[in-house]
């Protein structure tokens, strides 16, 4: 029986293939990186045509800004400002008048769990000409309010509920009170 004994501190290994493949891969990555740097440097320089188009757009923007300033100046004149203010007021009043309270309460009734009470509701028209309902609701528990929020989020006519604050029960008011705003898409 013959046993082999290797007394070398580092046994012989076939590492030449590993070193050759690693070197070839490293060289390929270096060439790819150099290629990407060259492509980036060439694309970084803008073409003269692009510069001309940007300058044209800037001139158009300047002309439009001047026209806007002239129109704003006309609207800021005292006799026009009063008419504009009255027009905005009347438009908002007409839009609010188009909101059906019966439909609003009917839609809310379908979503409200039995332990949730509506304390107050105030419609507002926001900048996007949408009806936002500012509501205060009372519940016996926070879980009932969470259930109500889930119903609002799942309903088609209500969207984007935002909680503004809450108050714990007191001696005079035995309910948790929550103030929230929700966008209301009433189908007229």
N, C-alpha and C. Protein backbone atom coordinates (compact mmCIF):
# COMPACT_ATOMS: atom_id res chain seq x y z
N UNK A 1 0.85 -1.16 0.00
CA UNK A 1 0.00 0.00 0.00
C UNK A 1 0.90 1.23 0.00
N UNK A 2 0.63 2.15 -0.87
CA UNK A 2 1.46 3.33 -1.01
C UNK A 2 0.64 4.57 -0.70
N UNK A 3 1.12 5.44 0.16
CA UNK A 3 0.43 6.69 0.51
C UNK A 3 1.27 7.85 0.03
N UNK A 4 0.60 8.86 -0.46
CA UNK A 4 1.29 10.05 -0.93
C UNK A 4 1.30 11.09 0.16
N UNK A 5 2.40 11.76 0.26
CA UNK A 5 2.56 12.77 1.29
C UNK A 5 3.07 14.04 0.61
N UNK A 6 2.37 15.16 0.81
CA UNK A 6 2.76 16.45 0.20
C UNK A 6 3.21 17.36 1.33
N UNK A 7 4.49 17.71 1.33
CA UNK A 7 5.05 18.53 2.39
C UNK A 7 5.11 20.01 2.00
N UNK A 8 4.58 20.41 0.87
CA UNK A 8 4.63 21.82 0.43
C UNK A 8 3.68 22.66 1.28
N UNK A 9 4.08 23.93 1.55
CA UNK A 9 3.21 24.81 2.33
C UNK A 9 1.98 25.21 1.52
N UNK A 10 2.14 25.30 0.23
CA UNK A 10 1.01 25.59 -0.65
C UNK A 10 0.93 24.47 -1.68
N UNK A 11 -0.07 23.66 -1.58
CA UNK A 11 -0.16 22.56 -2.54
C UNK A 11 -0.37 23.07 -3.96
N UNK A 12 0.08 22.32 -4.90
CA UNK A 12 -0.03 22.69 -6.30
C UNK A 12 -1.50 22.71 -6.71
N UNK A 13 -1.88 23.75 -7.42
CA UNK A 13 -3.24 23.85 -7.91
C UNK A 13 -3.24 24.34 -9.35
N UNK A 14 -4.29 24.08 -10.02
CA UNK A 14 -4.38 24.52 -11.41
C UNK A 14 -5.13 25.84 -11.44
N UNK A 15 -4.41 26.90 -11.17
CA UNK A 15 -5.02 28.23 -11.09
C UNK A 15 -4.84 29.04 -12.36
N UNK A 16 -4.08 28.55 -13.31
CA UNK A 16 -3.81 29.31 -14.52
C UNK A 16 -5.10 29.65 -15.26
N UNK A 17 -6.02 28.73 -15.39
CA UNK A 17 -7.29 28.98 -16.09
C UNK A 17 -8.11 30.04 -15.36
N UNK A 18 -8.15 29.97 -14.03
CA UNK A 18 -8.88 30.96 -13.24
C UNK A 18 -8.30 32.36 -13.43
N UNK A 19 -6.95 32.46 -13.35
CA UNK A 19 -6.32 33.77 -13.52
C UNK A 19 -6.51 34.31 -14.93
N UNK A 20 -6.43 33.45 -15.92
CA UNK A 20 -6.62 33.88 -17.31
C UNK A 20 -8.06 34.36 -17.54
N UNK A 21 -9.06 33.61 -17.05
CA UNK A 21 -10.46 33.99 -17.23
C UNK A 21 -10.77 35.28 -16.46
N UNK A 22 -10.24 35.40 -15.24
CA UNK A 22 -10.46 36.63 -14.46
C UNK A 22 -9.83 37.84 -15.13
N UNK A 23 -8.62 37.68 -15.66
CA UNK A 23 -7.97 38.79 -16.36
C UNK A 23 -8.73 39.19 -17.61
N UNK A 24 -9.20 38.19 -18.36
CA UNK A 24 -9.95 38.48 -19.59
C UNK A 24 -11.26 39.20 -19.26
N UNK A 25 -11.93 38.76 -18.21
CA UNK A 25 -13.17 39.42 -17.79
C UNK A 25 -12.91 40.85 -17.34
N UNK A 26 -11.86 41.04 -16.55
CA UNK A 26 -11.50 42.39 -16.09
C UNK A 26 -11.18 43.31 -17.25
N UNK A 27 -10.44 42.80 -18.25
CA UNK A 27 -10.11 43.61 -19.43
C UNK A 27 -11.38 43.96 -20.20
N UNK A 28 -12.30 43.00 -20.33
CA UNK A 28 -13.56 43.27 -21.04
C UNK A 28 -14.38 44.33 -20.32
N UNK A 29 -14.41 44.26 -18.99
CA UNK A 29 -15.15 45.27 -18.22
C UNK A 29 -14.50 46.64 -18.34
N UNK A 30 -13.18 46.69 -18.37
CA UNK A 30 -12.48 47.97 -18.53
C UNK A 30 -12.78 48.59 -19.89
N UNK A 31 -12.80 47.76 -20.94
CA UNK A 31 -13.12 48.26 -22.29
C UNK A 31 -14.58 48.75 -22.33
N UNK A 32 -15.49 48.02 -21.69
CA UNK A 32 -16.89 48.44 -21.68
C UNK A 32 -17.05 49.75 -20.92
N UNK A 33 -16.35 49.91 -19.80
CA UNK A 33 -16.42 51.16 -19.04
C UNK A 33 -15.87 52.32 -19.85
N UNK A 34 -14.75 52.10 -20.55
CA UNK A 34 -14.18 53.15 -21.40
C UNK A 34 -15.15 53.53 -22.51
N UNK A 35 -15.81 52.54 -23.11
CA UNK A 35 -16.80 52.80 -24.16
C UNK A 35 -17.95 53.63 -23.62
N UNK A 36 -18.44 53.31 -22.42
CA UNK A 36 -19.55 54.06 -21.83
C UNK A 36 -19.15 55.50 -21.51
N UNK A 37 -17.91 55.70 -21.06
CA UNK A 37 -17.44 57.06 -20.78
C UNK A 37 -17.38 57.87 -22.07
N UNK A 38 -16.91 57.27 -23.15
CA UNK A 38 -16.84 57.97 -24.44
C UNK A 38 -18.24 58.31 -24.94
N UNK A 39 -19.16 57.37 -24.85
CA UNK A 39 -20.54 57.62 -25.30
C UNK A 39 -21.17 58.72 -24.47
N UNK A 40 -20.97 58.71 -23.15
CA UNK A 40 -21.52 59.75 -22.28
C UNK A 40 -20.93 61.12 -22.63
N UNK A 41 -19.61 61.16 -22.86
CA UNK A 41 -18.97 62.45 -23.18
C UNK A 41 -19.49 63.01 -24.50
N UNK A 42 -19.72 62.15 -25.48
CA UNK A 42 -20.25 62.64 -26.76
C UNK A 42 -21.70 63.09 -26.65
N UNK A 43 -22.50 62.36 -25.89
CA UNK A 43 -23.91 62.72 -25.76
C UNK A 43 -24.10 63.91 -24.83
N UNK A 44 -23.12 64.19 -23.99
CA UNK A 44 -23.23 65.30 -23.05
C UNK A 44 -23.20 66.64 -23.78
N UNK A 45 -22.40 66.70 -24.81
CA UNK A 45 -22.36 67.94 -25.60
C UNK A 45 -23.65 68.05 -26.39
N UNK A 46 -24.33 69.20 -26.23
CA UNK A 46 -25.61 69.39 -26.92
C UNK A 46 -25.36 69.83 -28.35
N UNK A 47 -26.30 69.48 -29.16
CA UNK A 47 -26.20 69.88 -30.56
C UNK A 47 -26.63 71.34 -30.71
N UNK A 48 -26.12 72.02 -31.72
CA UNK A 48 -26.52 73.42 -31.94
C UNK A 48 -28.00 73.56 -32.23
N UNK A 49 -28.58 72.57 -32.89
CA UNK A 49 -30.01 72.64 -33.18
C UNK A 49 -30.83 72.62 -31.89
N UNK A 50 -30.43 71.79 -30.93
CA UNK A 50 -31.12 71.73 -29.65
C UNK A 50 -31.01 73.06 -28.93
N UNK A 51 -29.84 73.69 -28.98
CA UNK A 51 -29.67 75.01 -28.37
C UNK A 51 -30.58 76.04 -29.01
N UNK A 52 -30.72 76.00 -30.34
CA UNK A 52 -31.61 76.95 -31.03
C UNK A 52 -33.06 76.73 -30.63
N UNK A 53 -33.47 75.47 -30.53
CA UNK A 53 -34.86 75.19 -30.13
C UNK A 53 -35.12 75.67 -28.70
N UNK A 54 -34.17 75.44 -27.80
CA UNK A 54 -34.35 75.88 -26.41
C UNK A 54 -34.45 77.39 -26.35
N UNK A 55 -33.62 78.08 -27.12
CA UNK A 55 -33.67 79.55 -27.13
C UNK A 55 -34.99 80.04 -27.70
N UNK A 56 -35.52 79.36 -28.73
CA UNK A 56 -36.83 79.73 -29.28
C UNK A 56 -37.94 79.56 -28.26
N UNK A 57 -37.90 78.46 -27.51
CA UNK A 57 -38.91 78.23 -26.47
C UNK A 57 -38.80 79.29 -25.37
N UNK A 58 -37.59 79.68 -25.05
CA UNK A 58 -37.42 80.72 -24.02
C UNK A 58 -37.99 82.05 -24.49
N UNK A 59 -37.79 82.38 -25.75
CA UNK A 59 -38.37 83.63 -26.28
C UNK A 59 -39.90 83.56 -26.25
N UNK A 60 -40.46 82.42 -26.65
CA UNK A 60 -41.92 82.27 -26.61
C UNK A 60 -42.44 82.39 -25.18
N UNK A 61 -41.73 81.81 -24.24
CA UNK A 61 -42.12 81.90 -22.85
C UNK A 61 -42.08 83.34 -22.36
N UNK A 62 -41.07 84.10 -22.78
CA UNK A 62 -40.99 85.50 -22.40
C UNK A 62 -42.15 86.31 -22.96
N UNK A 63 -42.52 86.06 -24.22
CA UNK A 63 -43.65 86.76 -24.84
C UNK A 63 -44.94 86.43 -24.10
N UNK A 64 -45.13 85.15 -23.78
CA UNK A 64 -46.35 84.75 -23.06
C UNK A 64 -46.39 85.34 -21.66
N UNK A 65 -45.24 85.43 -21.00
CA UNK A 65 -45.20 86.03 -19.66
C UNK A 65 -45.57 87.51 -19.73
N UNK A 66 -45.12 88.21 -20.79
CA UNK A 66 -45.49 89.62 -20.95
C UNK A 66 -46.99 89.76 -21.17
N UNK A 67 -47.57 88.91 -22.00
CA UNK A 67 -49.02 88.96 -22.23
C UNK A 67 -49.79 88.67 -20.95
N UNK A 68 -49.31 87.68 -20.18
CA UNK A 68 -49.96 87.36 -18.91
C UNK A 68 -49.90 88.54 -17.96
N UNK A 69 -48.76 89.22 -17.92
CA UNK A 69 -48.62 90.38 -17.04
C UNK A 69 -49.57 91.50 -17.47
N UNK A 70 -49.73 91.72 -18.77
CA UNK A 70 -50.67 92.73 -19.26
C UNK A 70 -52.10 92.38 -18.87
N UNK A 71 -52.47 91.10 -19.06
CA UNK A 71 -53.84 90.69 -18.70
C UNK A 71 -54.08 90.77 -17.20
N UNK A 72 -53.08 90.41 -16.40
CA UNK A 72 -53.22 90.54 -14.95
C UNK A 72 -53.38 92.00 -14.55
N UNK A 73 -52.65 92.88 -15.25
CA UNK A 73 -52.78 94.32 -14.97
C UNK A 73 -54.19 94.81 -15.25
N UNK A 74 -54.80 94.33 -16.34
CA UNK A 74 -56.17 94.73 -16.67
C UNK A 74 -57.14 94.20 -15.61
N UNK A 75 -56.93 92.94 -15.17
CA UNK A 75 -57.82 92.38 -14.15
C UNK A 75 -57.66 93.05 -12.79
N UNK A 76 -56.48 93.61 -12.52
CA UNK A 76 -56.24 94.25 -11.22
C UNK A 76 -56.80 95.67 -11.13
N UNK A 77 -57.25 96.18 -12.23
CA UNK A 77 -57.84 97.53 -12.19
C UNK A 77 -59.07 97.47 -11.30
N UNK A 78 -59.33 98.54 -10.53
CA UNK A 78 -60.42 98.50 -9.54
C UNK A 78 -61.78 98.15 -10.13
N UNK A 79 -62.13 98.70 -11.28
CA UNK A 79 -63.46 98.42 -11.83
C UNK A 79 -63.57 96.96 -12.28
N UNK A 80 -62.47 96.33 -12.73
CA UNK A 80 -62.52 94.94 -13.17
C UNK A 80 -62.40 93.97 -12.00
N UNK A 81 -61.67 94.36 -10.98
CA UNK A 81 -61.49 93.48 -9.82
C UNK A 81 -62.82 93.22 -9.13
N UNK A 82 -63.67 94.22 -9.03
CA UNK A 82 -64.97 94.05 -8.39
C UNK A 82 -65.83 93.07 -9.17
N UNK A 83 -65.84 93.20 -10.51
CA UNK A 83 -66.63 92.30 -11.35
C UNK A 83 -66.10 90.88 -11.26
N UNK A 84 -64.77 90.74 -11.26
CA UNK A 84 -64.18 89.41 -11.16
C UNK A 84 -64.52 88.76 -9.82
N UNK A 85 -64.46 89.52 -8.75
CA UNK A 85 -64.77 88.99 -7.42
C UNK A 85 -66.24 88.57 -7.34
N UNK A 86 -67.13 89.40 -7.89
CA UNK A 86 -68.55 89.04 -7.88
C UNK A 86 -68.81 87.80 -8.72
N UNK A 87 -68.14 87.71 -9.87
CA UNK A 87 -68.31 86.56 -10.75
C UNK A 87 -67.87 85.27 -10.05
N UNK A 88 -66.72 85.31 -9.39
CA UNK A 88 -66.24 84.13 -8.66
C UNK A 88 -67.20 83.75 -7.54
N UNK A 89 -67.71 84.75 -6.82
CA UNK A 89 -68.65 84.49 -5.74
C UNK A 89 -69.93 83.84 -6.27
N UNK A 90 -70.47 84.39 -7.36
CA UNK A 90 -71.71 83.84 -7.92
C UNK A 90 -71.50 82.44 -8.47
N UNK A 91 -70.37 82.20 -9.12
CA UNK A 91 -70.09 80.86 -9.64
C UNK A 91 -69.99 79.84 -8.51
N UNK A 92 -69.33 80.21 -7.42
CA UNK A 92 -69.22 79.31 -6.28
C UNK A 92 -70.57 79.07 -5.64
N UNK A 93 -71.39 80.12 -5.56
CA UNK A 93 -72.72 79.98 -4.98
C UNK A 93 -73.59 79.05 -5.82
N UNK A 94 -73.53 79.20 -7.14
CA UNK A 94 -74.30 78.32 -8.03
C UNK A 94 -73.82 76.88 -7.93
N UNK A 95 -72.52 76.72 -7.83
CA UNK A 95 -71.98 75.36 -7.74
C UNK A 95 -72.41 74.70 -6.43
N UNK A 96 -72.37 75.46 -5.34
CA UNK A 96 -72.81 74.91 -4.05
C UNK A 96 -74.30 74.60 -4.06
N UNK A 97 -75.07 75.43 -4.75
CA UNK A 97 -76.51 75.23 -4.80
C UNK A 97 -76.84 73.93 -5.55
N UNK A 98 -75.95 73.50 -6.43
CA UNK A 98 -76.17 72.27 -7.19
C UNK A 98 -75.94 71.02 -6.39
N UNK A 99 -75.42 71.14 -5.17
CA UNK A 99 -75.16 69.97 -4.32
C UNK A 99 -76.46 69.56 -3.64
N UNK A 100 -76.84 68.32 -3.82
CA UNK A 100 -78.07 67.81 -3.21
C UNK A 100 -77.76 67.25 -1.83
N UNK A 101 -78.36 67.87 -0.80
CA UNK A 101 -78.16 67.40 0.56
C UNK A 101 -78.77 66.02 0.75
N UNK A 102 -79.90 65.80 0.13
CA UNK A 102 -80.55 64.50 0.25
C UNK A 102 -79.65 63.40 -0.28
N UNK A 103 -79.06 63.64 -1.45
CA UNK A 103 -78.16 62.65 -2.06
C UNK A 103 -76.90 62.46 -1.20
N UNK A 104 -76.39 63.56 -0.65
CA UNK A 104 -75.19 63.48 0.19
C UNK A 104 -75.44 62.62 1.41
N UNK A 105 -76.54 62.89 2.11
CA UNK A 105 -76.85 62.10 3.30
C UNK A 105 -77.18 60.66 2.96
N UNK A 106 -77.80 60.44 1.83
CA UNK A 106 -78.10 59.07 1.40
C UNK A 106 -76.81 58.30 1.12
N UNK A 107 -75.86 58.93 0.45
CA UNK A 107 -74.59 58.27 0.17
C UNK A 107 -73.81 57.99 1.44
N UNK A 108 -73.83 58.93 2.38
CA UNK A 108 -73.13 58.72 3.65
C UNK A 108 -73.80 57.63 4.49
N UNK A 109 -75.14 57.58 4.43
CA UNK A 109 -75.87 56.59 5.22
C UNK A 109 -75.51 55.17 4.80
N UNK A 110 -75.24 54.97 3.51
CA UNK A 110 -74.89 53.64 3.03
C UNK A 110 -73.54 53.17 3.59
N UNK A 111 -72.66 54.12 3.91
CA UNK A 111 -71.31 53.78 4.34
C UNK A 111 -71.12 53.75 5.85
N UNK A 112 -71.96 54.47 6.57
CA UNK A 112 -71.74 54.64 8.01
C UNK A 112 -72.13 53.41 8.79
N UNK A 113 -71.17 52.90 9.59
CA UNK A 113 -71.51 51.79 10.49
C UNK A 113 -72.49 52.27 11.56
N UNK A 114 -73.17 51.38 12.23
CA UNK A 114 -74.19 51.78 13.21
C UNK A 114 -73.63 52.59 14.38
N UNK A 115 -72.37 52.40 14.73
CA UNK A 115 -71.81 53.09 15.90
C UNK A 115 -71.14 54.41 15.56
N UNK A 116 -71.29 54.89 14.34
CA UNK A 116 -70.69 56.16 13.92
C UNK A 116 -71.80 57.18 13.72
N UNK A 117 -71.61 58.37 14.28
CA UNK A 117 -72.60 59.45 14.15
C UNK A 117 -71.97 60.65 13.47
N UNK A 118 -72.71 61.26 12.57
CA UNK A 118 -72.27 62.48 11.90
C UNK A 118 -72.62 63.67 12.80
N UNK A 119 -71.60 64.40 13.26
CA UNK A 119 -71.83 65.54 14.15
C UNK A 119 -72.03 66.81 13.34
N UNK A 120 -71.15 67.04 12.35
CA UNK A 120 -71.30 68.22 11.50
C UNK A 120 -70.73 67.93 10.12
N UNK A 121 -71.23 68.66 9.14
CA UNK A 121 -70.76 68.51 7.76
C UNK A 121 -70.82 69.87 7.10
N UNK A 122 -69.77 70.20 6.34
CA UNK A 122 -69.72 71.48 5.65
C UNK A 122 -69.08 71.28 4.28
N UNK A 123 -69.83 71.54 3.21
CA UNK A 123 -69.24 71.39 1.88
C UNK A 123 -68.38 72.61 1.53
N UNK A 124 -67.30 72.36 0.80
CA UNK A 124 -66.42 73.42 0.32
C UNK A 124 -66.06 73.10 -1.12
N UNK A 125 -65.84 74.13 -1.91
CA UNK A 125 -65.38 73.95 -3.28
C UNK A 125 -63.90 74.28 -3.28
N UNK A 126 -63.06 73.31 -3.66
CA UNK A 126 -61.62 73.55 -3.64
C UNK A 126 -61.15 74.17 -4.95
N UNK A 127 -59.83 74.37 -5.08
CA UNK A 127 -59.26 75.06 -6.25
C UNK A 127 -59.48 74.28 -7.54
N UNK A 128 -59.64 72.96 -7.45
CA UNK A 128 -59.87 72.14 -8.64
C UNK A 128 -61.34 72.03 -8.99
N UNK A 129 -62.18 72.87 -8.35
CA UNK A 129 -63.62 72.90 -8.58
C UNK A 129 -64.28 71.57 -8.20
N UNK A 130 -63.77 70.95 -7.14
CA UNK A 130 -64.34 69.72 -6.62
C UNK A 130 -65.00 70.03 -5.28
N UNK A 131 -66.00 69.23 -4.94
CA UNK A 131 -66.69 69.40 -3.66
C UNK A 131 -65.94 68.59 -2.60
N UNK A 132 -65.50 69.28 -1.57
CA UNK A 132 -64.84 68.62 -0.45
C UNK A 132 -65.76 68.74 0.77
N UNK A 133 -66.04 67.61 1.39
CA UNK A 133 -66.89 67.60 2.58
C UNK A 133 -66.00 67.62 3.82
N UNK A 134 -66.13 68.68 4.61
CA UNK A 134 -65.42 68.79 5.88
C UNK A 134 -66.38 68.25 6.94
N UNK A 135 -66.05 67.10 7.51
CA UNK A 135 -66.99 66.42 8.42
C UNK A 135 -66.36 66.24 9.80
N UNK A 136 -67.24 66.20 10.79
CA UNK A 136 -66.85 65.79 12.13
C UNK A 136 -67.78 64.64 12.50
N UNK A 137 -67.17 63.51 12.86
CA UNK A 137 -67.95 62.33 13.22
C UNK A 137 -67.60 61.91 14.64
N UNK A 138 -68.55 61.27 15.29
CA UNK A 138 -68.35 60.75 16.64
C UNK A 138 -68.54 59.25 16.65
N UNK A 139 -67.70 58.56 17.41
CA UNK A 139 -67.80 57.10 17.51
C UNK A 139 -67.60 56.68 18.95
N UNK A 140 -68.10 55.49 19.25
CA UNK A 140 -67.90 54.94 20.59
C UNK A 140 -66.51 54.33 20.73
N UNK A 141 -65.91 53.92 19.59
CA UNK A 141 -64.57 53.34 19.62
C UNK A 141 -63.81 53.75 18.36
N UNK A 142 -62.51 53.68 18.45
CA UNK A 142 -61.66 54.03 17.29
C UNK A 142 -61.84 53.01 16.16
N UNK A 143 -62.12 51.77 16.51
CA UNK A 143 -62.30 50.74 15.49
C UNK A 143 -63.49 51.05 14.57
N UNK A 144 -64.55 51.62 15.14
CA UNK A 144 -65.71 51.99 14.32
C UNK A 144 -65.33 53.07 13.32
N UNK A 145 -64.47 54.01 13.74
CA UNK A 145 -64.03 55.06 12.81
C UNK A 145 -63.17 54.47 11.70
N UNK A 146 -62.31 53.52 12.04
CA UNK A 146 -61.48 52.86 11.03
C UNK A 146 -62.36 52.14 10.02
N UNK A 147 -63.43 51.51 10.50
CA UNK A 147 -64.39 50.84 9.62
C UNK A 147 -65.06 51.85 8.68
N UNK A 148 -65.40 53.02 9.22
CA UNK A 148 -66.00 54.08 8.41
C UNK A 148 -65.01 54.56 7.34
N UNK A 149 -63.74 54.74 7.72
CA UNK A 149 -62.72 55.17 6.75
C UNK A 149 -62.55 54.15 5.63
N UNK A 150 -62.56 52.89 5.98
CA UNK A 150 -62.44 51.84 4.96
C UNK A 150 -63.62 51.91 3.98
N UNK A 151 -64.80 52.18 4.51
CA UNK A 151 -65.97 52.33 3.64
C UNK A 151 -65.84 53.52 2.72
N UNK A 152 -65.31 54.65 3.23
CA UNK A 152 -65.11 55.83 2.39
C UNK A 152 -64.11 55.55 1.28
N UNK A 153 -63.02 54.86 1.62
CA UNK A 153 -62.00 54.57 0.63
C UNK A 153 -62.50 53.60 -0.44
N UNK A 154 -63.42 52.74 -0.08
CA UNK A 154 -63.93 51.77 -1.05
C UNK A 154 -65.09 52.28 -1.89
N UNK A 155 -65.67 53.40 -1.52
CA UNK A 155 -66.84 53.92 -2.25
C UNK A 155 -66.40 54.66 -3.50
N UNK A 156 -67.21 54.58 -4.54
CA UNK A 156 -66.86 55.23 -5.81
C UNK A 156 -67.03 56.74 -5.75
N UNK A 157 -68.01 57.24 -5.00
CA UNK A 157 -68.28 58.68 -5.00
C UNK A 157 -67.43 59.45 -3.99
N UNK A 158 -66.73 58.77 -3.10
CA UNK A 158 -65.86 59.43 -2.13
C UNK A 158 -64.42 59.03 -2.43
N UNK A 159 -63.50 59.99 -2.29
CA UNK A 159 -62.09 59.67 -2.50
C UNK A 159 -61.21 60.61 -1.69
N UNK A 160 -60.02 60.18 -1.46
CA UNK A 160 -58.98 60.95 -0.76
C UNK A 160 -59.41 61.45 0.61
N UNK A 161 -59.82 60.55 1.52
CA UNK A 161 -60.14 61.02 2.88
C UNK A 161 -58.86 61.43 3.61
N UNK A 162 -58.92 62.57 4.30
CA UNK A 162 -57.78 63.09 5.05
C UNK A 162 -58.25 63.39 6.47
N UNK A 163 -57.58 62.78 7.44
CA UNK A 163 -57.91 63.00 8.85
C UNK A 163 -57.16 64.24 9.33
N UNK A 164 -57.89 65.20 9.91
CA UNK A 164 -57.27 66.44 10.39
C UNK A 164 -57.04 66.45 11.88
N UNK A 165 -57.75 65.64 12.62
CA UNK A 165 -57.56 65.61 14.06
C UNK A 165 -58.60 64.75 14.74
N UNK A 166 -58.34 64.46 16.01
CA UNK A 166 -59.29 63.69 16.79
C UNK A 166 -59.25 64.18 18.23
N UNK A 167 -60.32 63.88 18.95
CA UNK A 167 -60.42 64.28 20.36
C UNK A 167 -60.99 63.11 21.15
N UNK A 168 -60.46 62.86 22.33
CA UNK A 168 -60.98 61.76 23.16
C UNK A 168 -62.30 62.15 23.81
N UNK A 169 -63.01 61.19 24.36
CA UNK A 169 -64.28 61.49 25.04
C UNK A 169 -64.04 62.38 26.27
N UNK A 170 -65.02 63.20 26.56
CA UNK A 170 -64.99 64.05 27.76
C UNK A 170 -66.28 63.81 28.55
N UNK A 171 -66.43 64.54 29.64
CA UNK A 171 -67.66 64.40 30.43
C UNK A 171 -68.87 64.89 29.65
N UNK A 172 -68.72 65.97 28.90
CA UNK A 172 -69.83 66.53 28.13
C UNK A 172 -70.08 65.78 26.82
N UNK A 173 -69.02 65.23 26.23
CA UNK A 173 -69.13 64.54 24.94
C UNK A 173 -68.57 63.13 25.12
N UNK A 174 -69.43 62.12 25.26
CA UNK A 174 -68.95 60.77 25.57
C UNK A 174 -68.40 60.01 24.36
N UNK A 175 -68.23 60.66 23.20
CA UNK A 175 -67.78 59.99 21.99
C UNK A 175 -66.37 60.45 21.59
N UNK A 176 -65.65 59.57 20.91
CA UNK A 176 -64.43 59.99 20.23
C UNK A 176 -64.86 60.87 19.06
N UNK A 177 -64.22 61.99 18.86
CA UNK A 177 -64.58 62.89 17.76
C UNK A 177 -63.42 62.95 16.78
N UNK A 178 -63.73 62.82 15.49
CA UNK A 178 -62.74 62.84 14.43
C UNK A 178 -63.16 63.88 13.39
N UNK A 179 -62.22 64.70 12.96
CA UNK A 179 -62.49 65.69 11.91
C UNK A 179 -61.73 65.26 10.66
N UNK A 180 -62.45 65.15 9.54
CA UNK A 180 -61.83 64.71 8.29
C UNK A 180 -62.42 65.44 7.11
N UNK A 181 -61.69 65.40 6.02
CA UNK A 181 -62.14 65.98 4.75
C UNK A 181 -62.08 64.89 3.70
N UNK A 182 -63.09 64.84 2.84
CA UNK A 182 -63.14 63.85 1.78
C UNK A 182 -63.68 64.52 0.51
N UNK A 183 -63.12 64.16 -0.63
CA UNK A 183 -63.61 64.68 -1.92
C UNK A 183 -64.87 63.88 -2.28
N UNK A 184 -65.91 64.62 -2.68
CA UNK A 184 -67.21 63.98 -2.95
C UNK A 184 -67.59 64.23 -4.40
N UNK A 185 -67.72 63.15 -5.16
CA UNK A 185 -68.14 63.22 -6.56
C UNK A 185 -69.61 62.87 -6.64
N UNK A 186 -70.44 63.88 -6.46
CA UNK A 186 -71.88 63.62 -6.48
C UNK A 186 -72.36 63.49 -7.91
N UNK A 187 -73.07 62.43 -8.18
CA UNK A 187 -73.64 62.22 -9.51
C UNK A 187 -74.99 62.90 -9.57
N UNK A 188 -75.04 64.00 -10.32
CA UNK A 188 -76.30 64.75 -10.42
C UNK A 188 -77.14 64.27 -11.57
